[in-house]
């Protein structure tokens, strides 16, 4: 599952949740950038503007707390990553993001 949040000012967050057959509530460890195999896991990237310069980094440690009910997901990201050789903490919330209907999804596995 890919969640994206972006502001008109240029700030944003991209989160890719890796899970098995179905999304379950709980803690997902943040995986290294490029790791799409670890299940469960989450990859997170942050982009922000400092004055008029775009900055960004991948969060490489921490966890994502996921809750979902009534067709929506809430996620709390608590982690850190290296930005200009400085360990930078990040605390990010996604709240009540609507999930698509099951008929709108396609499984990512081989089906003969």
PDB file of N, CA and C in Angstrom:
ATOM      1  N   UNK A   1       0.851  -1.159   0.000  1.00  0.00           N
ATOM      2  CA  UNK A   1       0.000   0.000   0.000  1.00  0.00           C
ATOM      3  C   UNK A   1       0.900   1.225   0.000  1.00  0.00           C
ATOM      4  N   UNK A   2       0.584   2.161  -0.858  1.00  0.00           N
ATOM      5  CA  UNK A   2       1.359   3.386  -0.978  1.00  0.00           C
ATOM      6  C   UNK A   2       0.499   4.557  -0.521  1.00  0.00           C
ATOM      7  N   UNK A   3       0.994   5.315   0.470  1.00  0.00           N
ATOM      8  CA  UNK A   3       0.299   6.508   0.947  1.00  0.00           C
ATOM      9  C   UNK A   3       1.187   7.713   0.680  1.00  0.00           C
ATOM     10  N   UNK A   4       0.577   8.771   0.155  1.00  0.00           N
ATOM     11  CA  UNK A   4       1.314   9.991  -0.146  1.00  0.00           C
ATOM     12  C   UNK A   4       0.564  11.178   0.443  1.00  0.00           C
ATOM     13  N   UNK A   5       1.322  12.083   1.032  1.00  0.00           N
ATOM     14  CA  UNK A   5       0.749  13.337   1.515  1.00  0.00           C
ATOM     15  C   UNK A   5       1.632  14.456   0.979  1.00  0.00           C
ATOM     16  N   UNK A   6       1.019  15.459   0.393  1.00  0.00           N
ATOM     17  CA  UNK A   6       1.779  16.579  -0.160  1.00  0.00           C
ATOM     18  C   UNK A   6       1.033  17.879   0.091  1.00  0.00           C
ATOM     19  N   UNK A   7       1.780  18.917   0.335  1.00  0.00           N
ATOM     20  CA  UNK A   7       1.173  20.234   0.535  1.00  0.00           C
ATOM     21  C   UNK A   7       1.469  21.095  -0.691  1.00  0.00           C
ATOM     22  N   UNK A   8       0.650  22.104  -0.932  1.00  0.00           N
ATOM     23  CA  UNK A   8       0.920  23.007  -2.058  1.00  0.00           C
ATOM     24  C   UNK A   8       2.261  23.733  -1.921  1.00  0.00           C
ATOM     25  N   UNK A   9       2.776  23.834  -0.700  1.00  0.00           N
ATOM     26  CA  UNK A   9       4.047  24.519  -0.478  1.00  0.00           C
ATOM     27  C   UNK A   9       5.254  23.650  -0.828  1.00  0.00           C
ATOM     28  N   UNK A  10       5.037  22.360  -1.138  1.00  0.00           N
ATOM     29  CA  UNK A  10       6.135  21.492  -1.546  1.00  0.00           C
ATOM     30  C   UNK A  10       6.585  20.478  -0.517  1.00  0.00           C
ATOM     31  N   UNK A  11       6.017  20.482   0.682  1.00  0.00           N
ATOM     32  CA  UNK A  11       6.368  19.485   1.689  1.00  0.00           C
ATOM     33  C   UNK A  11       5.588  18.204   1.422  1.00  0.00           C
ATOM     34  N   UNK A  12       6.176  17.058   1.775  1.00  0.00           N
ATOM     35  CA  UNK A  12       5.449  15.823   1.540  1.00  0.00           C
ATOM     36  C   UNK A  12       6.066  14.621   2.217  1.00  0.00           C
ATOM     37  N   UNK A  13       5.274  13.541   2.257  1.00  0.00           N
ATOM     38  CA  UNK A  13       5.686  12.264   2.833  1.00  0.00           C
ATOM     39  C   UNK A  13       5.189  11.167   1.910  1.00  0.00           C
ATOM     40  N   UNK A  14       6.016  10.154   1.706  1.00  0.00           N
ATOM     41  CA  UNK A  14       5.632   8.990   0.935  1.00  0.00           C
ATOM     42  C   UNK A  14       5.895   7.766   1.799  1.00  0.00           C
ATOM     43  N   UNK A  15       4.887   6.913   1.980  1.00  0.00           N
ATOM     44  CA  UNK A  15       5.025   5.718   2.813  1.00  0.00           C
ATOM     45  C   UNK A  15       4.542   4.503   2.029  1.00  0.00           C
ATOM     46  N   UNK A  16       5.378   3.469   1.985  1.00  0.00           N
ATOM     47  CA  UNK A  16       5.025   2.212   1.330  1.00  0.00           C
ATOM     48  C   UNK A  16       4.960   1.130   2.402  1.00  0.00           C
ATOM     49  N   UNK A  17       3.748   0.638   2.667  1.00  0.00           N
ATOM     50  CA  UNK A  17       3.561  -0.439   3.648  1.00  0.00           C
ATOM     51  C   UNK A  17       3.648  -1.782   2.943  1.00  0.00           C
ATOM     52  N   UNK A  18       4.464  -2.690   3.475  1.00  0.00           N
ATOM     53  CA  UNK A  18       4.554  -4.059   2.956  1.00  0.00           C
ATOM     54  C   UNK A  18       3.844  -4.947   3.958  1.00  0.00           C
ATOM     55  N   UNK A  19       2.868  -5.707   3.508  1.00  0.00           N
ATOM     56  CA  UNK A  19       2.184  -6.637   4.403  1.00  0.00           C
ATOM     57  C   UNK A  19       1.834  -7.899   3.633  1.00  0.00           C
ATOM     58  N   UNK A  20       1.431  -8.934   4.346  1.00  0.00           N
ATOM     59  CA  UNK A  20       1.093 -10.212   3.727  1.00  0.00           C
ATOM     60  C   UNK A  20      -0.204 -10.136   2.951  1.00  0.00           C
ATOM     61  N   UNK A  21      -1.082 -11.077   3.199  1.00  0.00           N
ATOM     62  CA  UNK A  21      -2.340 -11.164   2.464  1.00  0.00           C
ATOM     63  C   UNK A  21      -3.304 -10.033   2.766  1.00  0.00           C
ATOM     64  N   UNK A  22      -3.234  -9.490   3.977  1.00  0.00           N
ATOM     65  CA  UNK A  22      -4.168  -8.427   4.335  1.00  0.00           C
ATOM     66  C   UNK A  22      -3.511  -7.453   5.306  1.00  0.00           C
ATOM     67  N   UNK A  23      -3.999  -6.235   5.277  1.00  0.00           N
ATOM     68  CA  UNK A  23      -3.506  -5.201   6.172  1.00  0.00           C
ATOM     69  C   UNK A  23      -4.021  -5.467   7.582  1.00  0.00           C
ATOM     70  N   UNK A  24      -3.102  -5.519   8.545  1.00  0.00           N
ATOM     71  CA  UNK A  24      -3.492  -5.717   9.937  1.00  0.00           C
ATOM     72  C   UNK A  24      -2.978  -4.549  10.768  1.00  0.00           C
ATOM     73  N   UNK A  25      -3.706  -4.233  11.809  1.00  0.00           N
ATOM     74  CA  UNK A  25      -3.274  -3.173  12.722  1.00  0.00           C
ATOM     75  C   UNK A  25      -2.063  -3.656  13.497  1.00  0.00           C
ATOM     76  N   UNK A  26      -1.179  -2.723  13.828  1.00  0.00           N
ATOM     77  CA  UNK A  26      -0.010  -3.080  14.621  1.00  0.00           C
ATOM     78  C   UNK A  26       1.198  -2.256  14.233  1.00  0.00           C
ATOM     79  N   UNK A  27       2.351  -2.705  14.688  1.00  0.00           N
ATOM     80  CA  UNK A  27       3.604  -2.004  14.461  1.00  0.00           C
ATOM     81  C   UNK A  27       4.327  -2.606  13.256  1.00  0.00           C
ATOM     82  N   UNK A  28       4.743  -1.741  12.336  1.00  0.00           N
ATOM     83  CA  UNK A  28       5.506  -2.160  11.170  1.00  0.00           C
ATOM     84  C   UNK A  28       6.895  -1.537  11.284  1.00  0.00           C
ATOM     85  N   UNK A  29       7.967  -2.342  11.278  1.00  0.00           N
ATOM     86  CA  UNK A  29       9.308  -1.747  11.359  1.00  0.00           C
ATOM     87  C   UNK A  29       9.650  -1.007  10.073  1.00  0.00           C
ATOM     88  N   UNK A  30      10.379   0.078  10.207  1.00  0.00           N
ATOM     89  CA  UNK A  30      10.831   0.807   9.025  1.00  0.00           C
ATOM     90  C   UNK A  30      12.028   0.052   8.466  1.00  0.00           C
ATOM     91  N   UNK A  31      11.972  -0.221   7.176  1.00  0.00           N
ATOM     92  CA  UNK A  31      13.014  -0.992   6.507  1.00  0.00           C
ATOM     93  C   UNK A  31      13.967  -0.055   5.775  1.00  0.00           C
ATOM     94  N   UNK A  32      15.084  -0.606   5.364  1.00  0.00           N
ATOM     95  CA  UNK A  32      16.073   0.171   4.616  1.00  0.00           C
ATOM     96  C   UNK A  32      15.484   0.610   3.277  1.00  0.00           C
ATOM     97  N   UNK A  33      15.898   1.758   2.780  1.00  0.00           N
ATOM     98  CA  UNK A  33      15.408   2.197   1.474  1.00  0.00           C
ATOM     99  C   UNK A  33      15.701   1.127   0.412  1.00  0.00           C
ATOM    100  N   UNK A  34      14.719   0.840  -0.411  1.00  0.00           N
ATOM    101  CA  UNK A  34      14.876  -0.160  -1.454  1.00  0.00           C
ATOM    102  C   UNK A  34      14.487  -1.564  -1.053  1.00  0.00           C
ATOM    103  N   UNK A  35      14.262  -1.823   0.234  1.00  0.00           N
ATOM    104  CA  UNK A  35      13.868  -3.155   0.701  1.00  0.00           C
ATOM    105  C   UNK A  35      12.367  -3.313   0.543  1.00  0.00           C
ATOM    106  N   UNK A  36      11.966  -4.072  -0.462  1.00  0.00           N
ATOM    107  CA  UNK A  36      10.534  -4.316  -0.664  1.00  0.00           C
ATOM    108  C   UNK A  36      10.169  -5.749  -0.341  1.00  0.00           C
ATOM    109  N   UNK A  37      11.087  -6.496   0.278  1.00  0.00           N
ATOM    110  CA  UNK A  37      10.878  -7.904   0.559  1.00  0.00           C
ATOM    111  C   UNK A  37      10.448  -8.139   2.009  1.00  0.00           C
ATOM    112  N   UNK A  38      10.953  -7.358   2.951  1.00  0.00           N
ATOM    113  CA  UNK A  38      10.659  -7.557   4.369  1.00  0.00           C
ATOM    114  C   UNK A  38       9.173  -7.345   4.636  1.00  0.00           C
ATOM    115  N   UNK A  39       8.527  -8.381   5.176  1.00  0.00           N
ATOM    116  CA  UNK A  39       7.088  -8.317   5.469  1.00  0.00           C
ATOM    117  C   UNK A  39       6.889  -8.725   6.919  1.00  0.00           C
ATOM    118  N   UNK A  40       6.203  -8.002   7.743  1.00  0.00           N
ATOM    119  CA  UNK A  40       5.693  -6.662   7.482  1.00  0.00           C
ATOM    120  C   UNK A  40       6.814  -5.636   7.575  1.00  0.00           C
ATOM    121  N   UNK A  41       6.611  -4.508   6.926  1.00  0.00           N
ATOM    122  CA  UNK A  41       7.600  -3.442   6.957  1.00  0.00           C
ATOM    123  C   UNK A  41       7.048  -2.193   6.302  1.00  0.00           C
ATOM    124  N   UNK A  42       7.822  -1.127   6.389  1.00  0.00           N
ATOM    125  CA  UNK A  42       7.407   0.147   5.799  1.00  0.00           C
ATOM    126  C   UNK A  42       8.638   0.898   5.322  1.00  0.00           C
ATOM    127  N   UNK A  43       8.519   1.517   4.166  1.00  0.00           N
ATOM    128  CA  UNK A  43       9.559   2.413   3.658  1.00  0.00           C
ATOM    129  C   UNK A  43       8.966   3.824   3.659  1.00  0.00           C
ATOM    130  N   UNK A  44       9.733   4.791   4.153  1.00  0.00           N
ATOM    131  CA  UNK A  44       9.212   6.155   4.311  1.00  0.00           C
ATOM    132  C   UNK A  44      10.235   7.167   3.792  1.00  0.00           C
ATOM    133  N   UNK A  45       9.757   8.151   3.029  1.00  0.00           N
ATOM    134  CA  UNK A  45      10.605   9.246   2.559  1.00  0.00           C
ATOM    135  C   UNK A  45       9.918  10.575   2.886  1.00  0.00           C
ATOM    136  N   UNK A  46      10.720  11.586   3.186  1.00  0.00           N
ATOM    137  CA  UNK A  46      10.219  12.906   3.568  1.00  0.00           C
ATOM    138  C   UNK A  46      10.825  13.954   2.636  1.00  0.00           C
ATOM    139  N   UNK A  47      10.018  14.920   2.222  1.00  0.00           N
ATOM    140  CA  UNK A  47      10.490  16.050   1.420  1.00  0.00           C
ATOM    141  C   UNK A  47       9.973  17.328   2.079  1.00  0.00           C
ATOM    142  N   UNK A  48      10.845  18.319   2.199  1.00  0.00           N
ATOM    143  CA  UNK A  48      10.423  19.594   2.773  1.00  0.00           C
ATOM    144  C   UNK A  48      11.234  20.722   2.160  1.00  0.00           C
ATOM    145  N   UNK A  49      10.738  21.926   2.325  1.00  0.00           N
ATOM    146  CA  UNK A  49      11.440  23.111   1.824  1.00  0.00           C
ATOM    147  C   UNK A  49      12.055  23.870   2.989  1.00  0.00           C
ATOM    148  N   UNK A  50      13.284  24.257   2.803  1.00  0.00           N
ATOM    149  CA  UNK A  50      13.973  25.110   3.765  1.00  0.00           C
ATOM    150  C   UNK A  50      14.328  26.379   3.008  1.00  0.00           C
ATOM    151  N   UNK A  51      13.630  27.451   3.331  1.00  0.00           N
ATOM    152  CA  UNK A  51      13.629  28.684   2.537  1.00  0.00           C
ATOM    153  C   UNK A  51      13.106  28.317   1.156  1.00  0.00           C
ATOM    154  N   UNK A  52      13.907  28.385   0.106  1.00  0.00           N
ATOM    155  CA  UNK A  52      13.410  28.020  -1.224  1.00  0.00           C
ATOM    156  C   UNK A  52      14.140  26.804  -1.801  1.00  0.00           C
ATOM    157  N   UNK A  53      14.779  26.018  -0.940  1.00  0.00           N
ATOM    158  CA  UNK A  53      15.545  24.848  -1.379  1.00  0.00           C
ATOM    159  C   UNK A  53      14.829  23.574  -0.916  1.00  0.00           C
ATOM    160  N   UNK A  54      14.573  22.677  -1.877  1.00  0.00           N
ATOM    161  CA  UNK A  54      13.947  21.385  -1.536  1.00  0.00           C
ATOM    162  C   UNK A  54      14.967  20.482  -0.866  1.00  0.00           C
ATOM    163  N   UNK A  55      14.554  19.854   0.230  1.00  0.00           N
ATOM    164  CA  UNK A  55      15.401  18.918   0.972  1.00  0.00           C
ATOM    165  C   UNK A  55      14.619  17.634   1.141  1.00  0.00           C
ATOM    166  N   UNK A  56      15.301  16.553   1.393  1.00  0.00           N
ATOM    167  CA  UNK A  56      14.599  15.304   1.599  1.00  0.00           C
ATOM    168  C   UNK A  56      15.521  14.231   2.140  1.00  0.00           C
ATOM    169  N   UNK A  57      14.920  13.193   2.712  1.00  0.00           N
ATOM    170  CA  UNK A  57      15.680  12.064   3.209  1.00  0.00           C
ATOM    171  C   UNK A  57      14.754  10.867   3.391  1.00  0.00           C
ATOM    172  N   UNK A  58      15.349   9.700   3.399  1.00  0.00           N
ATOM    173  CA  UNK A  58      14.608   8.474   3.678  1.00  0.00           C
ATOM    174  C   UNK A  58      14.718   8.186   5.170  1.00  0.00           C
ATOM    175  N   UNK A  59      13.616   7.811   5.773  1.00  0.00           N
ATOM    176  CA  UNK A  59      13.640   7.391   7.175  1.00  0.00           C
ATOM    177  C   UNK A  59      14.103   5.947   7.179  1.00  0.00           C
ATOM    178  N   UNK A  60      15.201   5.665   7.898  1.00  0.00           N
ATOM    179  CA  UNK A  60      15.787   4.331   7.840  1.00  0.00           C
ATOM    180  C   UNK A  60      15.718   3.556   9.155  1.00  0.00           C
ATOM    181  N   UNK A  61      15.142   4.151  10.183  1.00  0.00           N
ATOM    182  CA  UNK A  61      14.977   3.416  11.449  1.00  0.00           C
ATOM    183  C   UNK A  61      13.727   3.933  12.147  1.00  0.00           C
ATOM    184  N   UNK A  62      13.140   3.067  12.954  1.00  0.00           N
ATOM    185  CA  UNK A  62      11.930   3.433  13.671  1.00  0.00           C
ATOM    186  C   UNK A  62      10.799   2.485  13.343  1.00  0.00           C
ATOM    187  N   UNK A  63       9.569   2.965  13.504  1.00  0.00           N
ATOM    188  CA  UNK A  63       8.416   2.106  13.249  1.00  0.00           C
ATOM    189  C   UNK A  63       7.212   2.935  12.813  1.00  0.00           C
ATOM    190  N   UNK A  64       6.236   2.225  12.258  1.00  0.00           N
ATOM    191  CA  UNK A  64       4.968   2.824  11.854  1.00  0.00           C
ATOM    192  C   UNK A  64       3.869   2.069  12.592  1.00  0.00           C
ATOM    193  N   UNK A  65       3.057   2.779  13.367  1.00  0.00           N
ATOM    194  CA  UNK A  65       1.914   2.199  14.060  1.00  0.00           C
ATOM    195  C   UNK A  65       0.698   2.369  13.160  1.00  0.00           C
ATOM    196  N   UNK A  66       0.062   1.260  12.815  1.00  0.00           N
ATOM    197  CA  UNK A  66      -1.066   1.283  11.886  1.00  0.00           C
ATOM    198  C   UNK A  66      -2.341   0.862  12.599  1.00  0.00           C
ATOM    199  N   UNK A  67      -3.403   1.616  12.359  1.00  0.00           N
ATOM    200  CA  UNK A  67      -4.748   1.269  12.825  1.00  0.00           C
ATOM    201  C   UNK A  67      -5.666   1.403  11.626  1.00  0.00           C
ATOM    202  N   UNK A  68      -6.621   0.507  11.523  1.00  0.00           N
ATOM    203  CA  UNK A  68      -7.599   0.696  10.459  1.00  0.00           C
ATOM    204  C   UNK A  68      -8.951   0.157  10.891  1.00  0.00           C
ATOM    205  N   UNK A  69      -9.973   0.898  10.532  1.00  0.00           N
ATOM    206  CA  UNK A  69     -11.344   0.501  10.801  1.00  0.00           C
ATOM    207  C   UNK A  69     -12.280   1.358   9.954  1.00  0.00           C
ATOM    208  N   UNK A  70     -13.444   0.851   9.721  1.00  0.00           N
ATOM    209  CA  UNK A  70     -14.473   1.578   8.968  1.00  0.00           C
ATOM    210  C   UNK A  70     -13.978   2.122   7.634  1.00  0.00           C
ATOM    211  N   UNK A  71     -13.127   1.340   6.943  1.00  0.00           N
ATOM    212  CA  UNK A  71     -12.693   1.741   5.614  1.00  0.00           C
ATOM    213  C   UNK A  71     -11.662   2.847   5.566  1.00  0.00           C
ATOM    214  N   UNK A  72     -10.974   3.113   6.688  1.00  0.00           N
ATOM    215  CA  UNK A  72      -9.951   4.162   6.718  1.00  0.00           C
ATOM    216  C   UNK A  72      -8.729   3.663   7.484  1.00  0.00           C
ATOM    217  N   UNK A  73      -7.589   4.274   7.215  1.00  0.00           N
ATOM    218  CA  UNK A  73      -6.347   3.898   7.884  1.00  0.00           C
ATOM    219  C   UNK A  73      -5.772   5.123   8.598  1.00  0.00           C
ATOM    220  N   UNK A  74      -5.187   4.879   9.755  1.00  0.00           N
ATOM    221  CA  UNK A  74      -4.458   5.895  10.507  1.00  0.00           C
ATOM    222  C   UNK A  74      -3.068   5.334  10.765  1.00  0.00           C
ATOM    223  N   UNK A  75      -2.037   6.131  10.512  1.00  0.00           N
ATOM    224  CA  UNK A  75      -0.664   5.669  10.708  1.00  0.00           C
ATOM    225  C   UNK A  75       0.145   6.746  11.417  1.00  0.00           C
ATOM    226  N   UNK A  76       0.974   6.309  12.358  1.00  0.00           N
ATOM    227  CA  UNK A  76       1.874   7.206  13.092  1.00  0.00           C
ATOM    228  C   UNK A  76       3.294   6.740  12.825  1.00  0.00           C
ATOM    229  N   UNK A  77       4.075   7.589  12.168  1.00  0.00           N
ATOM    230  CA  UNK A  77       5.462   7.274  11.832  1.00  0.00           C
ATOM    231  C   UNK A  77       6.353   7.930  12.878  1.00  0.00           C
ATOM    232  N   UNK A  78       7.225   7.137  13.474  1.00  0.00           N
ATOM    233  CA  UNK A  78       8.165   7.624  14.480  1.00  0.00           C
ATOM    234  C   UNK A  78       9.528   7.047  14.124  1.00  0.00           C
ATOM    235  N   UNK A  79      10.387   7.878  13.539  1.00  0.00           N
ATOM    236  CA  UNK A  79      11.674   7.356  13.101  1.00  0.00           C
ATOM    237  C   UNK A  79      12.675   8.462  12.852  1.00  0.00           C
ATOM    238  N   UNK A  80      13.768   8.078  12.198  1.00  0.00           N
ATOM    239  CA  UNK A  80      14.799   9.054  11.862  1.00  0.00           C
ATOM    240  C   UNK A  80      15.556   8.579  10.625  1.00  0.00           C
ATOM    241  N   UNK A  81      16.249   9.520  10.012  1.00  0.00           N
ATOM    242  CA  UNK A  81      17.049   9.224   8.832  1.00  0.00           C
ATOM    243  C   UNK A  81      18.185  10.226   8.723  1.00  0.00           C
ATOM    244  N   UNK A  82      19.118   9.946   7.832  1.00  0.00           N
ATOM    245  CA  UNK A  82      20.249  10.845   7.643  1.00  0.00           C
ATOM    246  C   UNK A  82      19.927  11.881   6.580  1.00  0.00           C
ATOM    247  N   UNK A  83      20.124  13.120   6.945  1.00  0.00           N
ATOM    248  CA  UNK A  83      19.936  14.234   6.014  1.00  0.00           C
ATOM    249  C   UNK A  83      21.153  15.135   6.163  1.00  0.00           C
ATOM    250  N   UNK A  84      21.980  15.212   5.112  1.00  0.00           N
ATOM    251  CA  UNK A  84      23.254  15.946   5.164  1.00  0.00           C
ATOM    252  C   UNK A  84      24.144  15.452   6.299  1.00  0.00           C
ATOM    253  N   UNK A  85      24.235  14.130   6.445  1.00  0.00           N
ATOM    254  CA  UNK A  85      25.081  13.472   7.448  1.00  0.00           C
ATOM    255  C   UNK A  85      24.660  13.765   8.885  1.00  0.00           C
ATOM    256  N   UNK A  86      23.445  14.244   9.079  1.00  0.00           N
ATOM    257  CA  UNK A  86      22.922  14.515  10.421  1.00  0.00           C
ATOM    258  C   UNK A  86      21.707  13.627  10.641  1.00  0.00           C
ATOM    259  N   UNK A  87      21.675  12.900  11.733  1.00  0.00           N
ATOM    260  CA  UNK A  87      20.522  12.054  12.062  1.00  0.00           C
ATOM    261  C   UNK A  87      19.365  12.978  12.412  1.00  0.00           C
ATOM    262  N   UNK A  88      18.293  12.886  11.632  1.00  0.00           N
ATOM    263  CA  UNK A  88      17.162  13.798  11.748  1.00  0.00           C
ATOM    264  C   UNK A  88      15.914  13.027  12.164  1.00  0.00           C
ATOM    265  N   UNK A  89      15.307  13.381  13.306  1.00  0.00           N
ATOM    266  CA  UNK A  89      14.085  12.684  13.733  1.00  0.00           C
ATOM    267  C   UNK A  89      12.866  13.178  12.957  1.00  0.00           C
ATOM    268  N   UNK A  90      11.871  12.297  12.854  1.00  0.00           N
ATOM    269  CA  UNK A  90      10.613  12.674  12.187  1.00  0.00           C
ATOM    270  C   UNK A  90       9.458  11.992  12.912  1.00  0.00           C
ATOM    271  N   UNK A  91       8.387  12.752  13.124  1.00  0.00           N
ATOM    272  CA  UNK A  91       7.137  12.240  13.700  1.00  0.00           C
ATOM    273  C   UNK A  91       6.029  12.690  12.769  1.00  0.00           C
ATOM    274  N   UNK A  92       5.369  11.737  12.153  1.00  0.00           N
ATOM    275  CA  UNK A  92       4.396  12.048  11.102  1.00  0.00           C
ATOM    276  C   UNK A  92       3.118  11.264  11.361  1.00  0.00           C
ATOM    277  N   UNK A  93       1.974  11.911  11.147  1.00  0.00           N
ATOM    278  CA  UNK A  93       0.670  11.254  11.304  1.00  0.00           C
ATOM    279  C   UNK A  93      -0.113  11.303  10.001  1.00  0.00           C
ATOM    280  N   UNK A  94      -0.688  10.157   9.624  1.00  0.00           N
ATOM    281  CA  UNK A  94      -1.727  10.090   8.608  1.00  0.00           C
ATOM    282  C   UNK A  94      -2.996   9.763   9.380  1.00  0.00           C
ATOM    283  N   UNK A  95      -4.073  10.496   9.156  1.00  0.00           N
ATOM    284  CA  UNK A  95      -5.308  10.239   9.908  1.00  0.00           C
ATOM    285  C   UNK A  95      -6.485  10.047   8.976  1.00  0.00           C
ATOM    286  N   UNK A  96      -7.232   8.980   9.232  1.00  0.00           N
ATOM    287  CA  UNK A  96      -8.494   8.710   8.529  1.00  0.00           C
ATOM    288  C   UNK A  96      -8.358   8.788   7.010  1.00  0.00           C
ATOM    289  N   UNK A  97      -7.322   8.134   6.478  1.00  0.00           N
ATOM    290  CA  UNK A  97      -7.142   8.071   5.027  1.00  0.00           C
ATOM    291  C   UNK A  97      -8.067   6.981   4.498  1.00  0.00           C
ATOM    292  N   UNK A  98      -8.989   7.318   3.594  1.00  0.00           N
ATOM    293  CA  UNK A  98      -9.930   6.303   3.116  1.00  0.00           C
ATOM    294  C   UNK A  98      -9.219   5.223   2.305  1.00  0.00           C
ATOM    295  N   UNK A  99      -9.619   3.982   2.541  1.00  0.00           N
ATOM    296  CA  UNK A  99      -9.107   2.851   1.772  1.00  0.00           C
ATOM    297  C   UNK A  99     -10.009   2.614   0.575  1.00  0.00           C
ATOM    298  N   UNK A 100      -9.430   2.153  -0.512  1.00  0.00           N
ATOM    299  CA  UNK A 100     -10.243   1.877  -1.699  1.00  0.00           C
ATOM    300  C   UNK A 100     -11.084   0.625  -1.468  1.00  0.00           C
ATOM    301  N   UNK A 101     -12.147   0.519  -2.206  1.00  0.00           N
ATOM    302  CA  UNK A 101     -13.016  -0.659  -2.113  1.00  0.00           C
ATOM    303  C   UNK A 101     -12.241  -1.881  -2.588  1.00  0.00           C
ATOM    304  N   UNK A 102     -12.514  -3.068  -2.012  1.00  0.00           N
ATOM    305  CA  UNK A 102     -11.796  -4.280  -2.425  1.00  0.00           C
ATOM    306  C   UNK A 102     -11.871  -4.532  -3.931  1.00  0.00           C
ATOM    307  N   UNK A 103     -12.935  -4.110  -4.582  1.00  0.00           N
ATOM    308  CA  UNK A 103     -13.054  -4.328  -6.023  1.00  0.00           C
ATOM    309  C   UNK A 103     -12.098  -3.442  -6.822  1.00  0.00           C
ATOM    310  N   UNK A 104     -11.520  -2.396  -6.181  1.00  0.00           N
ATOM    311  CA  UNK A 104     -10.587  -1.498  -6.860  1.00  0.00           C
ATOM    312  C   UNK A 104      -9.138  -1.951  -6.745  1.00  0.00           C
ATOM    313  N   UNK A 105      -8.862  -3.041  -6.065  1.00  0.00           N
ATOM    314  CA  UNK A 105      -7.488  -3.465  -5.851  1.00  0.00           C
ATOM    315  C   UNK A 105      -7.160  -4.680  -6.705  1.00  0.00           C
ATOM    316  N   UNK A 106      -5.876  -4.816  -7.003  1.00  0.00           N
ATOM    317  CA  UNK A 106      -5.385  -5.949  -7.782  1.00  0.00           C
ATOM    318  C   UNK A 106      -4.267  -6.595  -6.984  1.00  0.00           C
ATOM    319  N   UNK A 107      -4.320  -7.922  -6.765  1.00  0.00           N
ATOM    320  CA  UNK A 107      -3.257  -8.569  -6.002  1.00  0.00           C
ATOM    321  C   UNK A 107      -1.924  -8.531  -6.773  1.00  0.00           C
ATOM    322  N   UNK A 108      -0.847  -8.436  -6.034  1.00  0.00           N
ATOM    323  CA  UNK A 108       0.487  -8.385  -6.631  1.00  0.00           C
ATOM    324  C   UNK A 108       1.135  -9.757  -6.559  1.00  0.00           C
ATOM    325  N   UNK A 109       0.466 -10.768  -7.014  1.00  0.00           N
ATOM    326  CA  UNK A 109       1.024 -12.116  -7.012  1.00  0.00           C
ATOM    327  C   UNK A 109       0.603 -12.824  -8.293  1.00  0.00           C
ATOM    328  N   UNK A 110       1.342 -13.857  -8.614  1.00  0.00           N
ATOM    329  CA  UNK A 110       1.079 -14.627  -9.832  1.00  0.00           C
ATOM    330  C   UNK A 110      -0.236 -15.368  -9.733  1.00  0.00           C
ATOM    331  N   UNK A 111      -1.058 -15.251 -10.748  1.00  0.00           N
ATOM    332  CA  UNK A 111      -2.316 -15.984 -10.816  1.00  0.00           C
ATOM    333  C   UNK A 111      -2.396 -16.668 -12.161  1.00  0.00           C
ATOM    334  N   UNK A 112      -2.341 -18.006 -12.178  1.00  0.00           N
ATOM    335  CA  UNK A 112      -2.373 -18.721 -13.466  1.00  0.00           C
ATOM    336  C   UNK A 112      -3.708 -18.571 -14.175  1.00  0.00           C
TER     337      UNK A 112
END
